Amino acid sequence: MRYQSFVSDNARWDGFTFRPGDIIISTPAKCGTTWTQMICALLIFQTPELPQTLDLLSPWMEIRLRRRKVVHDLYDAQTHRRFIKSHTPLDGLPVDERITYICVGRDPRDVGLSWRAHMNNIDFDVMFSALAEAIEPDDNFAPPRIPPEFSDEREAFRYWVDDPTPPEDVAMSLTGLIHHMASFWAVRDRDDVVLLHYDDLQTDLEGEMRRLADRLAITVPEERWPTLVKAATFEDMRSRATERAPDTEKRLWKNTTDFFHRGTSGQWEEIFDAELAAHYEAKVRELAPPDLVSWLHRENL
């Protein structure tokens, strides 16, 4: 499946050479991508003092803000085990038996609010300038659809829920999130697929890091765990935002620290009323199978 928008294109995988042990971290936006990249970095290097910024260690493969060759060269130069950032659903990713695929889910109600804050923090003048500099000769894509101005958070959230952009156009919406998660949910029992949940990382970070280390066949000396777990906390990552946030060299963010906005669950309760809750519930259950909805909402736990 081809997934592309003005900012990303999964055809950027074309020509990439995989190695045994490669890891693809493929998540819907605002579901813990950077968090999972950081955890993988800590497990691989086993120290918080990484050899480069996280963005250079694990650049977004499909992004149009860098030339394809630049991204491929960054990965080709690496001698450590590679962990590759993606926002492409599983059916748009390369198939290779040497890869482990990691996907992270999050309560969509929190994702919608986090996406709103994310968009407000982007310097679009910088983004469009970087896009113009990195455009490829064969690039062909439509300009971004500019969303309307919203009167409040409820209106913005409803727009995110109802956005009709099809998933293949890299929809940053409830529809896009569910499509992405469903592609992994259907094969969650495969040995090469690891499914994480944002809330589990919050409530039992060490346990989830240990589980991921086991799935990746990485051995961590016991005495190193406390330091690694601390470095993976939201507070620690936020305090080192210039080293941990993506695209800091391009100054894409109005406030780099605010890339790590709140990192909490249950934010949606602050804006939901009965009408918005009913509207969301109807839409999410139209889009997703009941077991996936229950898992994302952490129901029946």
C-alpha atoms as a PDB file:
ATOM      1  CA  MET A   1       0.000   0.000   0.000  1.00  0.00           C
ATOM      2  CA  ARG A   2       1.272   3.485  -0.885  1.00  0.00           C
ATOM      3  CA  TYR A   3       0.953   6.085   1.871  1.00  0.00           C
ATOM      4  CA  GLN A   4       1.935   9.652   1.095  1.00  0.00           C
ATOM      5  CA  SER A   5       1.181  13.243   1.982  1.00  0.00           C
ATOM      6  CA  PHE A   6       2.935  16.568   1.623  1.00  0.00           C
ATOM      7  CA  VAL A   7       5.176  15.653   4.568  1.00  0.00           C
ATOM      8  CA  SER A   8       5.829  11.907   4.143  1.00  0.00           C
ATOM      9  CA  ASP A   9       5.981   9.104   1.573  1.00  0.00           C
ATOM     10  CA  ASN A  10       6.541   5.427   2.290  1.00  0.00           C
ATOM     11  CA  ALA A  11       8.218   5.075  -1.127  1.00  0.00           C
ATOM     12  CA  ARG A  12      11.232   6.493   0.742  1.00  0.00           C
ATOM     13  CA  TRP A  13      11.881   2.891   1.826  1.00  0.00           C
ATOM     14  CA  ASP A  14      12.718   1.959  -1.779  1.00  0.00           C
ATOM     15  CA  GLY A  15      16.366   0.987  -2.123  1.00  0.00           C
ATOM     16  CA  PHE A  16      16.972   0.651   1.621  1.00  0.00           C
ATOM     17  CA  THR A  17      19.127  -2.358   2.563  1.00  0.00           C
ATOM     18  CA  PHE A  18      18.124  -4.212   5.715  1.00  0.00           C
ATOM     19  CA  ARG A  19      20.391  -6.023   8.140  1.00  0.00           C
ATOM     20  CA  PRO A  20      19.686  -8.836  10.581  1.00  0.00           C
ATOM     21  CA  GLY A  21      18.228  -7.437  13.805  1.00  0.00           C
ATOM     22  CA  ASP A  22      16.826  -4.232  12.332  1.00  0.00           C
ATOM     23  CA  ILE A  23      13.915  -2.756  14.275  1.00  0.00           C
ATOM     24  CA  ILE A  24      11.117  -0.684  12.767  1.00  0.00           C
ATOM     25  CA  ILE A  25       9.209   1.469  15.245  1.00  0.00           C
ATOM     26  CA  SER A  26       5.938   2.230  13.494  1.00  0.00           C
ATOM     27  CA  THR A  27       3.330   4.145  15.466  1.00  0.00           C
ATOM     28  CA  PRO A  28       0.456   6.499  14.771  1.00  0.00           C
ATOM     29  CA  ALA A  29       1.466  10.087  15.524  1.00  0.00           C
ATOM     30  CA  LYS A  30       1.399  11.111  19.217  1.00  0.00           C
ATOM     31  CA  CYS A  31       1.242   7.538  20.499  1.00  0.00           C
ATOM     32  CA  GLY A  32       4.737   7.361  21.994  1.00  0.00           C
ATOM     33  CA  THR A  33       7.041   7.233  18.970  1.00  0.00           C
ATOM     34  CA  THR A  34       9.899   9.233  20.491  1.00  0.00           C
ATOM     35  CA  TRP A  35       9.446   7.443  23.809  1.00  0.00           C
ATOM     36  CA  THR A  36       9.828   4.047  22.134  1.00  0.00           C
ATOM     37  CA  GLN A  37      12.820   5.238  20.126  1.00  0.00           C
ATOM     38  CA  MET A  38      14.450   6.349  23.375  1.00  0.00           C
ATOM     39  CA  ILE A  39      13.753   3.020  25.058  1.00  0.00           C
ATOM     40  CA  CYS A  40      15.300   1.157  22.118  1.00  0.00           C
ATOM     41  CA  ALA A  41      18.318   3.469  22.212  1.00  0.00           C
ATOM     42  CA  LEU A  42      18.795   2.818  25.919  1.00  0.00           C
ATOM     43  CA  LEU A  43      18.518  -0.947  25.483  1.00  0.00           C
ATOM     44  CA  ILE A  44      20.976  -0.959  22.585  1.00  0.00           C
ATOM     45  CA  PHE A  45      23.587   1.458  23.948  1.00  0.00           C
ATOM     46  CA  GLN A  46      22.879   0.702  27.637  1.00  0.00           C
ATOM     47  CA  THR A  47      23.705   4.255  28.684  1.00  0.00           C
ATOM     48  CA  PRO A  48      21.757   7.545  28.665  1.00  0.00           C
ATOM     49  CA  GLU A  49      24.736   9.251  27.024  1.00  0.00           C
ATOM     50  CA  LEU A  50      23.907   8.501  23.414  1.00  0.00           C
ATOM     51  CA  PRO A  51      26.510   8.976  20.665  1.00  0.00           C
ATOM     52  CA  GLN A  52      24.217  11.364  18.729  1.00  0.00           C
ATOM     53  CA  THR A  53      20.888  13.089  19.161  1.00  0.00           C
ATOM     54  CA  LEU A  54      17.978  10.683  18.982  1.00  0.00           C
ATOM     55  CA  ASP A  55      16.808  12.242  15.707  1.00  0.00           C
ATOM     56  CA  LEU A  56      20.099  11.380  13.986  1.00  0.00           C
ATOM     57  CA  LEU A  57      20.214   7.897  15.482  1.00  0.00           C
ATOM     58  CA  SER A  58      16.664   7.149  14.403  1.00  0.00           C
ATOM     59  CA  PRO A  59      15.449   9.583  11.723  1.00  0.00           C
ATOM     60  CA  TRP A  60      11.954   9.285  10.315  1.00  0.00           C
ATOM     61  CA  MET A  61      12.376   7.184   7.178  1.00  0.00           C
ATOM     62  CA  GLU A  62       9.389   8.546   5.229  1.00  0.00           C
ATOM     63  CA  ILE A  63       9.788  12.256   5.975  1.00  0.00           C
ATOM     64  CA  ARG A  64      10.013  14.646   3.027  1.00  0.00           C
ATOM     65  CA  LEU A  65      11.918  17.260   5.060  1.00  0.00           C
ATOM     66  CA  ARG A  66      15.134  15.350   4.347  1.00  0.00           C
ATOM     67  CA  ARG A  67      16.329  13.879   1.080  1.00  0.00           C
ATOM     68  CA  ARG A  68      15.950  10.111   0.815  1.00  0.00           C
ATOM     69  CA  LYS A  69      19.713   9.676   0.349  1.00  0.00           C
ATOM     70  CA  VAL A  70      20.442  11.719   3.472  1.00  0.00           C
ATOM     71  CA  VAL A  71      18.251   9.439   5.588  1.00  0.00           C
ATOM     72  CA  HIS A  72      19.562   6.238   3.992  1.00  0.00           C
ATOM     73  CA  ASP A  73      23.154   7.402   4.466  1.00  0.00           C
ATOM     74  CA  LEU A  74      22.530   8.104   8.160  1.00  0.00           C
ATOM     75  CA  TYR A  75      21.343   4.533   8.643  1.00  0.00           C
ATOM     76  CA  ASP A  76      23.970   2.980   6.345  1.00  0.00           C
ATOM     77  CA  ALA A  77      26.750   4.589   8.404  1.00  0.00           C
ATOM     78  CA  GLN A  78      25.541   3.009  11.643  1.00  0.00           C
ATOM     79  CA  THR A  79      27.388  -0.003  13.004  1.00  0.00           C
ATOM     80  CA  HIS A  80      25.107  -0.617  15.987  1.00  0.00           C
ATOM     81  CA  ARG A  81      21.742  -2.365  15.859  1.00  0.00           C
ATOM     82  CA  ARG A  82      19.421  -0.021  13.994  1.00  0.00           C
ATOM     83  CA  PHE A  83      16.017   1.184  15.185  1.00  0.00           C
ATOM     84  CA  ILE A  84      14.146   2.967  12.433  1.00  0.00           C
ATOM     85  CA  LYS A  85      11.336   5.484  12.903  1.00  0.00           C
ATOM     86  CA  SER A  86       8.197   5.138  10.813  1.00  0.00           C
ATOM     87  CA  HIS A  87       4.595   6.339  10.811  1.00  0.00           C
ATOM     88  CA  THR A  88       3.441   3.865   8.146  1.00  0.00           C
ATOM     89  CA  PRO A  89       0.855   1.114   8.790  1.00  0.00           C
ATOM     90  CA  LEU A  90       2.142  -2.430   8.548  1.00  0.00           C
ATOM     91  CA  ASP A  91       0.783  -3.060   5.054  1.00  0.00           C
ATOM     92  CA  GLY A  92       2.919  -0.195   3.732  1.00  0.00           C
ATOM     93  CA  LEU A  93       6.185  -1.333   5.316  1.00  0.00           C
ATOM     94  CA  PRO A  94       8.851  -3.554   3.750  1.00  0.00           C
ATOM     95  CA  VAL A  95       8.552  -7.258   4.487  1.00  0.00           C
ATOM     96  CA  ASP A  96      11.760  -8.866   5.698  1.00  0.00           C
ATOM     97  CA  GLU A  97      12.148 -11.788   8.091  1.00  0.00           C
ATOM     98  CA  ARG A  98      15.128 -10.078   9.762  1.00  0.00           C
ATOM     99  CA  ILE A  99      13.002  -7.162  11.043  1.00  0.00           C
ATOM    100  CA  THR A 100      11.195  -6.761  14.355  1.00  0.00           C
ATOM    101  CA  TYR A 101       8.179  -4.447  14.061  1.00  0.00           C
ATOM    102  CA  ILE A 102       7.134  -2.416  17.113  1.00  0.00           C
ATOM    103  CA  CYS A 103       3.825  -0.562  17.292  1.00  0.00           C
ATOM    104  CA  VAL A 104       2.477   1.507  20.197  1.00  0.00           C
ATOM    105  CA  GLY A 105      -1.180   2.204  20.890  1.00  0.00           C
ATOM    106  CA  ARG A 106      -2.730   4.955  22.975  1.00  0.00           C
ATOM    107  CA  ASP A 107      -6.236   5.979  23.980  1.00  0.00           C
ATOM    108  CA  PRO A 108      -7.443   7.859  20.874  1.00  0.00           C
ATOM    109  CA  ARG A 109      -9.124  10.482  23.036  1.00  0.00           C
ATOM    110  CA  ASP A 110      -5.733  11.504  24.412  1.00  0.00           C
ATOM    111  CA  VAL A 111      -4.148  11.296  20.970  1.00  0.00           C
ATOM    112  CA  GLY A 112      -6.640  13.810  19.582  1.00  0.00           C
ATOM    113  CA  LEU A 113      -5.765  16.368  22.253  1.00  0.00           C
ATOM    114  CA  SER A 114      -2.028  15.716  21.956  1.00  0.00           C
ATOM    115  CA  TRP A 115      -2.214  16.191  18.189  1.00  0.00           C
ATOM    116  CA  ARG A 116      -3.841  19.593  18.662  1.00  0.00           C
ATOM    117  CA  ALA A 117      -0.987  20.742  20.941  1.00  0.00           C
ATOM    118  CA  HIS A 118       1.555  19.270  18.509  1.00  0.00           C
ATOM    119  CA  MET A 119       0.161  21.236  15.574  1.00  0.00           C
ATOM    120  CA  ASN A 120       0.152  24.452  17.591  1.00  0.00           C
ATOM    121  CA  ASN A 121       3.867  23.988  18.323  1.00  0.00           C
ATOM    122  CA  ILE A 122       5.007  23.570  14.698  1.00  0.00           C
ATOM    123  CA  ASP A 123       6.679  26.501  12.967  1.00  0.00           C
ATOM    124  CA  PHE A 124       5.081  26.026   9.543  1.00  0.00           C
ATOM    125  CA  ASP A 125       7.341  28.592   7.853  1.00  0.00           C
ATOM    126  CA  VAL A 126      10.323  26.457   8.858  1.00  0.00           C
ATOM    127  CA  MET A 127       8.541  23.270   7.789  1.00  0.00           C
ATOM    128  CA  PHE A 128       7.691  24.556   4.317  1.00  0.00           C
ATOM    129  CA  SER A 129      11.212  25.916   3.845  1.00  0.00           C
ATOM    130  CA  ALA A 130      12.720  22.533   4.764  1.00  0.00           C
ATOM    131  CA  LEU A 131      10.268  20.793   2.453  1.00  0.00           C
ATOM    132  CA  ALA A 132      11.258  23.026  -0.454  1.00  0.00           C
ATOM    133  CA  GLU A 133      14.967  22.359   0.140  1.00  0.00           C
ATOM    134  CA  ALA A 134      14.546  18.572   0.338  1.00  0.00           C
ATOM    135  CA  ILE A 135      12.084  17.976  -2.488  1.00  0.00           C
ATOM    136  CA  GLU A 136      12.995  15.055  -4.765  1.00  0.00           C
ATOM    137  CA  PRO A 137      12.850  15.245  -8.585  1.00  0.00           C
ATOM    138  CA  ASP A 138      10.070  12.624  -8.717  1.00  0.00           C
ATOM    139  CA  ASP A 139       8.011  14.007  -5.815  1.00  0.00           C
ATOM    140  CA  ASN A 140       4.378  14.529  -6.662  1.00  0.00           C
ATOM    141  CA  PHE A 141       1.974  15.439  -3.905  1.00  0.00           C
ATOM    142  CA  ALA A 142      -0.899  17.747  -3.121  1.00  0.00           C
ATOM    143  CA  PRO A 143      -0.453  20.765  -0.838  1.00  0.00           C
ATOM    144  CA  PRO A 144      -1.642  20.369   2.730  1.00  0.00           C
ATOM    145  CA  ARG A 145      -5.298  20.902   3.490  1.00  0.00           C
ATOM    146  CA  ILE A 146      -5.429  23.795   5.938  1.00  0.00           C
ATOM    147  CA  PRO A 147      -7.782  23.048   8.835  1.00  0.00           C
ATOM    148  CA  PRO A 148     -10.220  25.729   9.943  1.00  0.00           C
ATOM    149  CA  GLU A 149      -9.798  27.851  13.018  1.00  0.00           C
ATOM    150  CA  PHE A 150     -11.396  26.268  16.065  1.00  0.00           C
ATOM    151  CA  SER A 151     -13.329  28.073  18.768  1.00  0.00           C
ATOM    152  CA  ASP A 152     -12.291  25.619  21.494  1.00  0.00           C
ATOM    153  CA  GLU A 153     -10.759  22.203  22.200  1.00  0.00           C
ATOM    154  CA  ARG A 154     -14.075  20.406  21.765  1.00  0.00           C
ATOM    155  CA  GLU A 155     -14.489  21.717  18.244  1.00  0.00           C
ATOM    156  CA  ALA A 156     -10.900  20.788  17.368  1.00  0.00           C
ATOM    157  CA  PHE A 157     -11.363  17.289  18.756  1.00  0.00           C
ATOM    158  CA  ARG A 158     -14.607  16.765  16.827  1.00  0.00           C
ATOM    159  CA  TYR A 159     -12.807  17.796  13.636  1.00  0.00           C
ATOM    160  CA  TRP A 160     -10.076  15.217  14.367  1.00  0.00           C
ATOM    161  CA  VAL A 161     -12.758  12.548  14.905  1.00  0.00           C
ATOM    162  CA  ASP A 162     -14.681  13.396  11.724  1.00  0.00           C
ATOM    163  CA  ASP A 163     -11.760  14.208   9.384  1.00  0.00           C
ATOM    164  CA  PRO A 164     -12.594  12.316   6.141  1.00  0.00           C
ATOM    165  CA  THR A 165      -9.007  12.196   4.826  1.00  0.00           C
ATOM    166  CA  PRO A 166      -8.390   8.602   3.652  1.00  0.00           C
ATOM    167  CA  PRO A 167      -5.635   6.629   5.434  1.00  0.00           C
ATOM    168  CA  GLU A 168      -3.521   6.363   2.277  1.00  0.00           C
ATOM    169  CA  ASP A 169      -3.210  10.154   2.374  1.00  0.00           C
ATOM    170  CA  VAL A 170      -1.568   9.764   5.809  1.00  0.00           C
ATOM    171  CA  ALA A 171      -4.627  10.921   7.704  1.00  0.00           C
ATOM    172  CA  MET A 172      -3.702  12.482  11.057  1.00  0.00           C
ATOM    173  CA  SER A 173      -7.115  11.701  12.475  1.00  0.00           C
ATOM    174  CA  LEU A 174      -9.115   9.086  14.332  1.00  0.00           C
ATOM    175  CA  THR A 175      -9.596   7.233  11.040  1.00  0.00           C
ATOM    176  CA  GLY A 176      -5.865   7.220  10.355  1.00  0.00           C
ATOM    177  CA  LEU A 177      -5.010   6.111  13.886  1.00  0.00           C
ATOM    178  CA  ILE A 178      -7.460   3.194  13.846  1.00  0.00           C
ATOM    179  CA  HIS A 179      -6.343   2.096  10.373  1.00  0.00           C
ATOM    180  CA  HIS A 180      -2.718   2.052  11.529  1.00  0.00           C
ATOM    181  CA  MET A 181      -3.440   0.193  14.760  1.00  0.00           C
ATOM    182  CA  ALA A 182      -5.711  -2.331  13.057  1.00  0.00           C
ATOM    183  CA  SER A 183      -2.908  -3.309  10.657  1.00  0.00           C
ATOM    184  CA  PHE A 184      -0.812  -4.418  13.641  1.00  0.00           C
ATOM    185  CA  TRP A 185      -3.678  -5.647  15.818  1.00  0.00           C
ATOM    186  CA  ALA A 186      -4.592  -8.275  13.222  1.00  0.00           C
ATOM    187  CA  VAL A 187      -1.120  -9.877  13.485  1.00  0.00           C
ATOM    188  CA  ARG A 188      -0.301  -9.089  17.115  1.00  0.00           C
ATOM    189  CA  ASP A 189       0.552 -12.728  17.874  1.00  0.00           C
ATOM    190  CA  ARG A 190       3.314 -12.896  15.293  1.00  0.00           C
ATOM    191  CA  ASP A 191       6.806 -13.425  16.700  1.00  0.00           C
ATOM    192  CA  ASP A 192       8.182 -10.442  14.771  1.00  0.00           C
ATOM    193  CA  VAL A 193       5.512  -8.000  16.002  1.00  0.00           C
ATOM    194  CA  VAL A 194       5.648  -6.264  19.408  1.00  0.00           C
ATOM    195  CA  LEU A 195       2.612  -4.301  20.549  1.00  0.00           C
ATOM    196  CA  LEU A 196       3.031  -1.789  23.387  1.00  0.00           C
ATOM    197  CA  HIS A 197       0.478   0.466  25.061  1.00  0.00           C
ATOM    198  CA  TYR A 198       1.213   4.026  26.152  1.00  0.00           C
ATOM    199  CA  ASP A 199      -0.550   3.527  29.495  1.00  0.00           C
ATOM    200  CA  ASP A 200       1.516   0.420  30.283  1.00  0.00           C
ATOM    201  CA  LEU A 201       4.679   2.434  29.672  1.00  0.00           C
ATOM    202  CA  GLN A 202       3.364   5.008  32.126  1.00  0.00           C
ATOM    203  CA  THR A 203       2.327   2.613  34.880  1.00  0.00           C
ATOM    204  CA  ASP A 204       5.115   0.035  34.600  1.00  0.00           C
ATOM    205  CA  LEU A 205       7.966   1.539  32.602  1.00  0.00           C
ATOM    206  CA  GLU A 206      10.608  -0.840  33.911  1.00  0.00           C
ATOM    207  CA  GLY A 207       8.426  -3.889  33.339  1.00  0.00           C
ATOM    208  CA  GLU A 208       7.673  -2.852  29.757  1.00  0.00           C
ATOM    209  CA  MET A 209      11.334  -2.080  29.090  1.00  0.00           C
ATOM    210  CA  ARG A 210      12.295  -5.504  30.376  1.00  0.00           C
ATOM    211  CA  ARG A 211       9.595  -7.130  28.246  1.00  0.00           C
ATOM    212  CA  LEU A 212      10.821  -5.307  25.161  1.00  0.00           C
ATOM    213  CA  ALA A 213      14.426  -6.274  25.903  1.00  0.00           C
ATOM    214  CA  ASP A 214      13.338  -9.919  26.035  1.00  0.00           C
ATOM    215  CA  ARG A 215      11.474  -9.631  22.728  1.00  0.00           C
ATOM    216  CA  LEU A 216      14.525  -8.025  21.120  1.00  0.00           C
ATOM    217  CA  ALA A 217      16.896 -10.595  22.684  1.00  0.00           C
ATOM    218  CA  ILE A 218      18.893  -7.865  24.413  1.00  0.00           C
ATOM    219  CA  THR A 219      20.604  -8.650  27.723  1.00  0.00           C
ATOM    220  CA  VAL A 220      20.965  -5.767  30.172  1.00  0.00           C
ATOM    221  CA  PRO A 221      23.157  -6.145  33.275  1.00  0.00           C
ATOM    222  CA  GLU A 222      20.956  -5.827  36.341  1.00  0.00           C
ATOM    223  CA  GLU A 223      22.896  -2.924  37.810  1.00  0.00           C
ATOM    224  CA  ARG A 224      22.195  -0.771  34.741  1.00  0.00           C
ATOM    225  CA  TRP A 225      18.422  -0.950  34.863  1.00  0.00           C
ATOM    226  CA  PRO A 226      17.784   1.919  37.333  1.00  0.00           C
ATOM    227  CA  THR A 227      19.792   4.394  35.250  1.00  0.00           C
ATOM    228  CA  LEU A 228      18.190   3.298  31.984  1.00  0.00           C
ATOM    229  CA  VAL A 229      14.652   3.430  33.366  1.00  0.00           C
ATOM    230  CA  LYS A 230      15.190   6.920  34.767  1.00  0.00           C
ATOM    231  CA  ALA A 231      16.482   8.134  31.395  1.00  0.00           C
ATOM    232  CA  ALA A 232      13.309   6.844  29.729  1.00  0.00           C
ATOM    233  CA  THR A 233      10.938   8.811  31.969  1.00  0.00           C
ATOM    234  CA  PHE A 234       8.927  11.678  30.503  1.00  0.00           C
ATOM    235  CA  GLU A 235      10.530  14.120  32.940  1.00  0.00           C
ATOM    236  CA  ASP A 236      14.070  13.133  32.000  1.00  0.00           C
ATOM    237  CA  MET A 237      13.373  13.237  28.271  1.00  0.00           C
ATOM    238  CA  ARG A 238      11.689  16.630  28.577  1.00  0.00           C
ATOM    239  CA  SER A 239      14.669  18.007  30.516  1.00  0.00           C
ATOM    240  CA  ARG A 240      16.919  16.999  27.584  1.00  0.00           C
ATOM    241  CA  ALA A 241      14.507  17.979  24.822  1.00  0.00           C
ATOM    242  CA  THR A 242      17.151  19.321  22.426  1.00  0.00           C
ATOM    243  CA  GLU A 243      18.810  15.868  22.426  1.00  0.00           C
ATOM    244  CA  ARG A 244      15.618  13.811  22.406  1.00  0.00           C
ATOM    245  CA  ALA A 245      13.033  15.657  20.289  1.00  0.00           C
ATOM    246  CA  PRO A 246      12.957  15.163  16.494  1.00  0.00           C
ATOM    247  CA  ASP A 247      13.942  17.784  13.922  1.00  0.00           C
ATOM    248  CA  THR A 248      15.604  20.107  16.420  1.00  0.00           C
ATOM    249  CA  GLU A 249      18.430  20.921  13.984  1.00  0.00           C
ATOM    250  CA  LYS A 250      15.823  22.419  11.650  1.00  0.00           C
ATOM    251  CA  ARG A 251      14.245  24.383  14.529  1.00  0.00           C
ATOM    252  CA  LEU A 252      10.871  22.987  13.574  1.00  0.00           C
ATOM    253  CA  TRP A 253       9.323  23.616  16.988  1.00  0.00           C
ATOM    254  CA  LYS A 254       8.262  26.963  18.365  1.00  0.00           C
ATOM    255  CA  ASN A 255       9.283  25.555  21.744  1.00  0.00           C
ATOM    256  CA  THR A 256      11.438  22.417  21.727  1.00  0.00           C
ATOM    257  CA  THR A 257      10.684  21.560  25.340  1.00  0.00           C
ATOM    258  CA  ASP A 258       6.965  21.671  24.580  1.00  0.00           C
ATOM    259  CA  PHE A 259       7.390  18.859  22.054  1.00  0.00           C
ATOM    260  CA  PHE A 260       7.083  16.836  25.261  1.00  0.00           C
ATOM    261  CA  HIS A 261       3.789  18.507  26.084  1.00  0.00           C
ATOM    262  CA  ARG A 262       2.082  16.677  28.942  1.00  0.00           C
ATOM    263  CA  GLY A 263       2.647  12.962  28.481  1.00  0.00           C
ATOM    264  CA  THR A 264      -0.384  12.015  30.558  1.00  0.00           C
ATOM    265  CA  SER A 265      -3.444   9.852  30.063  1.00  0.00           C
ATOM    266  CA  GLY A 266      -7.032  10.890  30.707  1.00  0.00           C
ATOM    267  CA  GLN A 267      -6.590  14.455  29.408  1.00  0.00           C
ATOM    268  CA  TRP A 268      -9.752  14.006  27.365  1.00  0.00           C
ATOM    269  CA  GLU A 269     -11.888  13.986  30.511  1.00  0.00           C
ATOM    270  CA  GLU A 270     -11.214  17.722  30.853  1.00  0.00           C
ATOM    271  CA  ILE A 271     -13.116  18.555  27.653  1.00  0.00           C
ATOM    272  CA  PHE A 272     -15.641  15.742  27.194  1.00  0.00           C
ATOM    273  CA  ASP A 273     -19.313  16.263  27.805  1.00  0.00           C
ATOM    274  CA  ALA A 274     -22.082  13.723  27.176  1.00  0.00           C
ATOM    275  CA  GLU A 275     -22.660  14.844  23.586  1.00  0.00           C
ATOM    276  CA  LEU A 276     -18.991  14.726  22.560  1.00  0.00           C
ATOM    277  CA  ALA A 277     -18.506  11.383  24.319  1.00  0.00           C
ATOM    278  CA  ALA A 278     -21.454   9.866  22.449  1.00  0.00           C
ATOM    279  CA  HIS A 279     -20.229  11.249  19.127  1.00  0.00           C
ATOM    280  CA  TYR A 280     -16.735   9.848  19.663  1.00  0.00           C
ATOM    281  CA  GLU A 281     -17.970   6.446  20.842  1.00  0.00           C
ATOM    282  CA  ALA A 282     -20.181   6.017  17.794  1.00  0.00           C
ATOM    283  CA  LYS A 283     -17.330   6.872  15.442  1.00  0.00           C
ATOM    284  CA  VAL A 284     -14.598   4.792  17.060  1.00  0.00           C
ATOM    285  CA  ARG A 285     -16.815   1.701  17.226  1.00  0.00           C
ATOM    286  CA  GLU A 286     -17.742   2.192  13.581  1.00  0.00           C
ATOM    287  CA  LEU A 287     -14.059   2.191  12.637  1.00  0.00           C
ATOM    288  CA  ALA A 288     -12.528  -0.472  14.901  1.00  0.00           C
ATOM    289  CA  PRO A 289     -13.346  -3.988  16.101  1.00  0.00           C
ATOM    290  CA  PRO A 290     -14.572  -4.144  19.718  1.00  0.00           C
ATOM    291  CA  ASP A 291     -11.475  -5.913  21.041  1.00  0.00           C
ATOM    292  CA  LEU A 292      -9.168  -3.239  19.614  1.00  0.00           C
ATOM    293  CA  VAL A 293     -11.312  -0.443  21.079  1.00  0.00           C
ATOM    294  CA  SER A 294     -11.267  -2.155  24.471  1.00  0.00           C
ATOM    295  CA  TRP A 295      -7.493  -2.534  24.326  1.00  0.00           C
ATOM    296  CA  LEU A 296      -6.930   1.084  23.321  1.00  0.00           C
ATOM    297  CA  HIS A 297      -9.278   2.307  26.070  1.00  0.00           C
ATOM    298  CA  ARG A 298      -7.783  -0.133  28.607  1.00  0.00           C
ATOM    299  CA  GLU A 299     -11.229  -1.492  29.393  1.00  0.00           C
ATOM    300  CA  ASN A 300     -11.865  -4.652  31.422  1.00  0.00           C
ATOM    301  CA  LEU A 301      -8.409  -4.584  32.997  1.00  0.00           C
END
